[in-house]
Amino acid sequence: MTWTAIARKDFEDVVRSRMVWGITAVFLLLMGIVTLGASSQIDDASATDVIFFFTNIGGQLFVPIIALVVGYMAIVGERQSGSLRILFGLSHNRRDVLVGKLASRTGVIVVATLAACAFAAALMFALFGSLPVPTVLGFVALTVLLGAAFTAIAVGVSAMTDTRMGAMGGAIGSYILFTMLWHPLIAGLHYALEGELVGVEAPAWYLFALRLNPLESYRQAIASMIDAYVPALVGWENIVEDVPAGSFQEGTLLTSNRVAGDVPFYLSEWFAPVVLLAWIVVPIAIGYRRFERADLN
């Protein structure tokens, strides 16, 4: 299978990038400072507090940004430089190129994410002398999947576009969509259908629509694991929802407190990986369709 040769060569090229590892190093340094500083201010701090800080800042900010930086030039960079013709001349086809690039860029993100999670685990052990192993493993798995999802989004965008600026705009636009626009769009849909803002008690379809956002699905799954509400980077709740101020500090906005009756399976903790896997498959499928039909001359 020729895609493996492309993946191996591309992985070696990417891991030499000082920018990628520089961003990762800054991320680890900042997370160490934030975690140590915050833990010292919390009475009876625990390992779940470390996971909270890593999810809130690392998972929602640095992991997606690193993944988008690593992936957005995967295809379009080869296209602009003319390297695609060389690859095609070596009997590789477009599927080989796309799959190989996805595998290599995802591999880089998995390594970087595992390094970050190992750092978080080391902090937990150093601070508290023990680890909640099942929770840590769930946290690691979800964070790796989140990184892979954003890598797939970036590679898919790279396959759809023919210029560096187009790929960069798509990558930046996807992050803005997920962090700033998704929640108000879903809240606007609820208002259009129901004629009022959603309150603390929300319909299941509304919460599911929010969770189709990979960042939302990730943070809600982590919140269920640690039994503590993890706020979004941009807190829209007090603006587009009719909820009391400070609700997230009290845990009111946990999914289990917002749905009447039993929590549907699609809002449960285990369904989050399904959403993240979908964000790996769908952008790549769309990107491949566009890339296969593109005129590369």
Protein backbone atom coordinates (compact mmCIF):
# COMPACT_ATOMS: atom_id res chain seq x y z
CA MET A 1 0.00 0.00 0.00
CA THR A 2 1.71 3.15 -1.23
CA TRP A 3 0.02 5.48 1.27
CA THR A 4 2.30 4.13 4.00
CA ALA A 5 5.38 5.42 2.18
CA ILE A 6 3.82 8.87 1.93
CA ALA A 7 2.83 8.78 5.62
CA ARG A 8 6.30 7.76 6.75
CA LYS A 9 8.08 10.46 4.72
CA ASP A 10 5.58 13.16 5.67
CA PHE A 11 5.74 12.23 9.38
CA GLU A 12 9.53 12.59 9.34
CA ASP A 13 9.23 16.01 7.68
CA VAL A 14 6.60 17.32 10.12
CA VAL A 15 8.38 16.19 13.29
CA ARG A 16 11.33 18.34 12.23
CA SER A 17 9.11 21.43 12.39
CA ARG A 18 10.32 23.72 15.15
CA MET A 19 7.06 25.64 15.09
CA VAL A 20 4.93 22.60 15.98
CA TRP A 21 7.13 21.51 18.86
CA GLY A 22 7.63 25.11 19.94
CA ILE A 23 3.85 25.53 20.28
CA THR A 24 3.66 22.23 22.17
CA ALA A 25 6.44 23.27 24.54
CA VAL A 26 4.76 26.61 25.25
CA PHE A 27 1.49 24.76 25.86
CA LEU A 28 3.10 22.43 28.41
CA LEU A 29 4.85 25.31 30.17
CA LEU A 30 1.66 27.38 30.42
CA MET A 31 -0.41 24.41 31.58
CA GLY A 32 2.15 23.64 34.27
CA ILE A 33 2.08 27.23 35.53
CA VAL A 34 -1.74 27.45 35.41
CA THR A 35 -2.27 24.08 37.08
CA LEU A 36 0.24 24.62 39.86
CA GLY A 37 -1.00 28.15 40.51
CA ALA A 38 -4.68 27.23 40.47
CA SER A 39 -4.22 24.09 42.58
CA SER A 40 -2.47 26.09 45.27
CA GLN A 41 -5.52 28.37 45.49
CA ILE A 42 -8.07 25.53 45.81
CA ASP A 43 -8.88 24.03 49.17
CA ASP A 44 -8.70 20.24 49.10
CA ALA A 45 -7.58 20.14 45.45
CA SER A 46 -7.74 16.78 43.67
CA ALA A 47 -6.58 15.08 40.49
CA THR A 48 -9.88 15.94 38.82
CA ASP A 49 -9.00 19.62 39.21
CA VAL A 50 -5.90 19.01 37.07
CA ILE A 51 -8.06 17.35 34.42
CA PHE A 52 -10.45 20.31 34.64
CA PHE A 53 -7.67 22.81 33.90
CA PHE A 54 -6.23 20.73 31.07
CA THR A 55 -9.68 20.28 29.52
CA ASN A 56 -10.62 23.92 29.88
CA ILE A 57 -7.42 25.41 28.43
CA GLY A 58 -5.46 22.61 26.81
CA GLY A 59 -8.25 20.52 25.31
CA GLN A 60 -10.37 23.40 24.06
CA LEU A 61 -7.58 25.78 23.04
CA PHE A 62 -4.15 24.32 22.40
CA VAL A 63 -4.94 20.82 21.10
CA PRO A 64 -7.29 22.05 18.32
CA ILE A 65 -4.96 24.91 17.37
CA ILE A 66 -1.91 22.63 17.14
CA ALA A 67 -3.94 20.12 15.09
CA LEU A 68 -5.13 22.82 12.68
CA VAL A 69 -1.60 24.21 12.31
CA VAL A 70 -0.20 20.75 11.61
CA GLY A 71 -2.91 19.77 9.12
CA TYR A 72 -3.98 22.78 7.08
CA MET A 73 -1.05 22.69 4.60
CA ALA A 74 -0.98 18.89 4.24
CA ILE A 75 -2.38 18.73 0.69
CA VAL A 76 -2.48 22.29 -0.56
CA GLY A 77 1.22 22.74 0.28
CA GLU A 78 2.16 19.87 -2.03
CA ARG A 79 -0.27 21.22 -4.62
CA GLN A 80 1.21 24.72 -4.65
CA SER A 81 4.82 23.51 -4.70
CA GLY A 82 4.21 21.08 -7.56
CA SER A 83 5.22 18.08 -5.46
CA LEU A 84 1.95 16.31 -6.24
CA ARG A 85 3.11 15.68 -9.80
CA ILE A 86 6.20 13.95 -8.43
CA LEU A 87 4.08 11.80 -6.12
CA PHE A 88 1.72 10.88 -8.95
CA GLY A 89 4.73 10.06 -11.10
CA LEU A 90 5.79 7.52 -8.47
CA SER A 91 2.51 5.62 -9.02
CA HIS A 92 0.70 7.15 -6.03
CA ASN A 93 -2.92 8.14 -6.60
CA ARG A 94 -4.97 10.86 -4.91
CA ARG A 95 -6.38 8.51 -2.28
CA ASP A 96 -2.85 7.42 -1.34
CA VAL A 97 -1.83 11.05 -0.90
CA LEU A 98 -4.86 11.96 1.23
CA VAL A 99 -4.75 8.86 3.43
CA GLY A 100 -0.98 9.10 3.86
CA LYS A 101 -1.15 12.77 4.80
CA LEU A 102 -3.99 12.14 7.25
CA ALA A 103 -2.11 9.25 8.87
CA SER A 104 1.14 11.20 9.26
CA ARG A 105 -0.42 14.42 10.55
CA THR A 106 -2.66 12.48 12.94
CA GLY A 107 0.40 10.59 14.17
CA VAL A 108 2.14 13.86 15.00
CA ILE A 109 -0.89 15.14 16.91
CA VAL A 110 -1.29 11.86 18.78
CA VAL A 111 2.35 12.04 19.91
CA ALA A 112 1.98 15.69 20.97
CA THR A 113 -1.33 15.01 22.76
CA LEU A 114 0.03 11.96 24.58
CA ALA A 115 2.99 14.07 25.70
CA ALA A 116 0.59 16.68 27.09
CA CYS A 117 -1.55 14.04 28.81
CA ALA A 118 1.54 12.36 30.26
CA PHE A 119 2.55 15.74 31.63
CA ALA A 120 -0.89 16.14 33.19
CA ALA A 121 -0.67 12.67 34.74
CA ALA A 122 2.80 13.44 36.10
CA LEU A 123 1.46 16.64 37.66
CA MET A 124 -1.39 14.73 39.29
CA PHE A 125 0.96 12.15 40.73
CA ALA A 126 3.44 14.77 41.93
CA LEU A 127 0.71 16.84 43.59
CA PHE A 128 -1.46 14.10 45.05
CA GLY A 129 0.64 10.92 45.12
CA SER A 130 -1.93 8.85 43.21
CA LEU A 131 -3.92 8.73 39.97
CA PRO A 132 -7.61 8.02 39.27
CA VAL A 133 -6.58 5.59 36.52
CA PRO A 134 -9.98 5.02 34.81
CA THR A 135 -10.66 8.77 34.70
CA VAL A 136 -7.17 9.54 33.42
CA LEU A 137 -7.44 6.91 30.67
CA GLY A 138 -10.83 8.27 29.60
CA PHE A 139 -9.42 11.80 29.57
CA VAL A 140 -6.43 10.70 27.45
CA ALA A 141 -8.60 8.78 24.97
CA LEU A 142 -11.03 11.67 24.48
CA THR A 143 -8.23 14.23 24.11
CA VAL A 144 -6.46 12.09 21.50
CA LEU A 145 -9.72 11.71 19.58
CA LEU A 146 -10.31 15.47 19.76
CA GLY A 147 -6.84 16.12 18.32
CA ALA A 148 -7.44 13.55 15.57
CA ALA A 149 -10.80 15.13 14.72
CA PHE A 150 -9.33 18.60 14.29
CA THR A 151 -6.45 17.16 12.27
CA ALA A 152 -8.97 15.49 9.95
CA ILE A 153 -10.87 18.77 9.63
CA ALA A 154 -7.65 20.59 8.68
CA VAL A 155 -6.53 17.91 6.19
CA GLY A 156 -10.03 17.80 4.69
CA VAL A 157 -10.00 21.58 4.25
CA SER A 158 -6.51 21.36 2.74
CA ALA A 159 -7.78 18.83 0.19
CA MET A 160 -10.74 21.06 -0.75
CA THR A 161 -8.74 24.23 -1.44
CA ASP A 162 -6.08 25.20 -3.95
CA THR A 163 -4.34 28.05 -2.13
CA ARG A 164 -2.58 28.50 1.19
CA MET A 165 -4.86 31.40 2.13
CA GLY A 166 -7.94 29.33 1.36
CA ALA A 167 -6.72 26.48 3.57
CA MET A 168 -5.75 28.89 6.35
CA GLY A 169 -9.12 30.63 6.14
CA GLY A 170 -10.92 27.29 6.32
CA ALA A 171 -8.92 26.17 9.34
CA ILE A 172 -9.39 29.45 11.20
CA GLY A 173 -13.05 29.61 10.20
CA SER A 174 -13.72 26.11 11.53
CA TYR A 175 -12.25 27.01 14.91
CA ILE A 176 -14.26 30.24 15.08
CA LEU A 177 -17.40 28.28 14.17
CA PHE A 178 -16.90 25.76 16.96
CA THR A 179 -15.79 28.19 19.67
CA MET A 180 -17.85 31.32 18.99
CA LEU A 181 -20.75 30.68 16.61
CA TRP A 182 -22.09 27.17 17.20
CA HIS A 183 -23.86 27.84 20.51
CA PRO A 184 -25.67 31.04 19.46
CA LEU A 185 -26.72 29.40 16.17
CA ILE A 186 -28.33 26.46 18.00
CA ALA A 187 -29.87 28.82 20.56
CA GLY A 188 -31.25 30.90 17.70
CA LEU A 189 -32.79 27.79 16.17
CA HIS A 190 -34.46 26.97 19.50
CA TYR A 191 -35.80 30.50 19.76
CA ALA A 192 -37.16 30.33 16.20
CA LEU A 193 -38.94 27.04 16.97
CA GLU A 194 -40.11 27.69 20.53
CA GLY A 195 -40.38 31.48 20.68
CA GLU A 196 -38.23 31.72 23.82
CA LEU A 197 -34.73 31.16 25.11
CA VAL A 198 -33.91 27.73 26.44
CA GLY A 199 -33.71 27.54 30.23
CA VAL A 200 -31.83 25.32 32.66
CA GLU A 201 -34.13 22.46 31.69
CA ALA A 202 -33.53 21.94 27.98
CA PRO A 203 -34.99 19.61 25.34
CA ALA A 204 -32.77 16.68 24.46
CA TRP A 205 -32.56 17.68 20.79
CA TYR A 206 -31.10 21.05 21.78
CA LEU A 207 -28.35 19.52 23.89
CA PHE A 208 -27.63 16.96 21.17
CA ALA A 209 -27.36 19.69 18.53
CA LEU A 210 -24.85 21.46 20.77
CA ARG A 211 -22.89 18.21 21.13
CA LEU A 212 -22.52 17.83 17.39
CA ASN A 213 -19.79 20.42 17.93
CA PRO A 214 -16.64 18.34 18.64
CA LEU A 215 -15.46 20.75 21.34
CA GLU A 216 -18.83 20.65 23.08
CA SER A 217 -19.02 16.86 22.91
CA TYR A 218 -15.49 16.62 24.32
CA ARG A 219 -15.99 18.95 27.25
CA GLN A 220 -19.40 17.55 28.20
CA ALA A 221 -17.97 14.02 28.22
CA ILE A 222 -15.09 15.14 30.44
CA ALA A 223 -17.56 16.96 32.70
CA SER A 224 -19.52 13.73 33.13
CA MET A 225 -16.33 11.84 33.93
CA ILE A 226 -15.17 14.23 36.65
CA ASP A 227 -18.71 15.20 37.77
CA ALA A 228 -17.95 18.90 37.41
CA TYR A 229 -19.15 21.38 34.84
CA VAL A 230 -16.42 22.44 32.38
CA PRO A 231 -17.21 25.86 30.88
CA ALA A 232 -16.67 26.58 27.21
CA LEU A 233 -13.93 28.99 26.16
CA VAL A 234 -16.62 31.47 25.14
CA GLY A 235 -19.37 31.31 27.75
CA TRP A 236 -22.60 31.90 25.85
CA GLU A 237 -24.89 30.36 28.46
CA ASN A 238 -25.71 33.60 30.27
CA ILE A 239 -26.28 35.40 26.96
CA VAL A 240 -28.25 33.02 24.72
CA GLU A 241 -29.90 30.93 27.45
CA ASP A 242 -32.24 31.87 30.28
CA VAL A 243 -30.09 30.50 33.10
CA PRO A 244 -29.14 32.13 36.41
CA ALA A 245 -25.74 33.78 36.61
CA GLY A 246 -23.13 31.47 38.09
CA SER A 247 -25.03 28.32 37.18
CA PHE A 248 -21.93 26.48 36.01
CA GLN A 249 -20.16 26.97 39.36
CA GLU A 250 -23.04 25.21 41.06
CA GLY A 251 -23.10 22.33 38.56
CA THR A 252 -26.60 23.28 37.41
CA LEU A 253 -25.63 23.03 33.75
CA LEU A 254 -24.43 19.44 33.91
CA THR A 255 -26.39 17.41 31.37
CA SER A 256 -27.89 15.21 34.08
CA ASN A 257 -29.42 18.32 35.66
CA ARG A 258 -30.83 19.73 32.43
CA VAL A 259 -32.75 16.78 30.99
CA ALA A 260 -36.02 15.69 32.54
CA GLY A 261 -36.01 11.97 33.28
CA ASP A 262 -33.31 9.59 32.11
CA VAL A 263 -30.45 10.98 30.01
CA PRO A 264 -30.78 9.70 26.40
CA PHE A 265 -27.94 7.51 25.13
CA TYR A 266 -26.83 10.16 22.63
CA LEU A 267 -26.16 12.56 25.53
CA SER A 268 -24.24 10.00 27.56
CA GLU A 269 -20.51 10.05 28.15
CA TRP A 270 -19.78 7.09 25.87
CA PHE A 271 -21.45 8.69 22.83
CA ALA A 272 -18.85 11.50 22.65
CA PRO A 273 -16.29 9.27 20.86
CA VAL A 274 -18.93 8.55 18.19
CA VAL A 275 -19.28 12.28 17.49
CA LEU A 276 -15.50 12.74 17.41
CA LEU A 277 -15.07 9.78 15.06
CA ALA A 278 -17.69 11.30 12.77
CA TRP A 279 -15.60 14.49 12.66
CA ILE A 280 -12.67 12.37 11.49
CA VAL A 281 -14.58 10.53 8.76
CA VAL A 282 -16.89 13.19 7.30
CA PRO A 283 -14.36 16.01 6.56
CA ILE A 284 -11.98 13.51 4.98
CA ALA A 285 -14.76 12.02 2.84
CA ILE A 286 -15.81 15.48 1.63
CA GLY A 287 -12.19 16.50 1.11
CA TYR A 288 -11.48 13.36 -0.90
CA ARG A 289 -14.49 13.93 -3.12
CA ARG A 290 -13.35 17.48 -3.90
CA PHE A 291 -9.70 16.47 -4.28
CA GLU A 292 -10.56 13.59 -6.63
CA ARG A 293 -12.43 15.95 -8.95
CA ALA A 294 -9.97 18.85 -8.76
CA ASP A 295 -7.99 19.94 -11.81
CA LEU A 296 -4.40 19.95 -10.58
CA ASN A 297 -2.84 21.30 -13.78
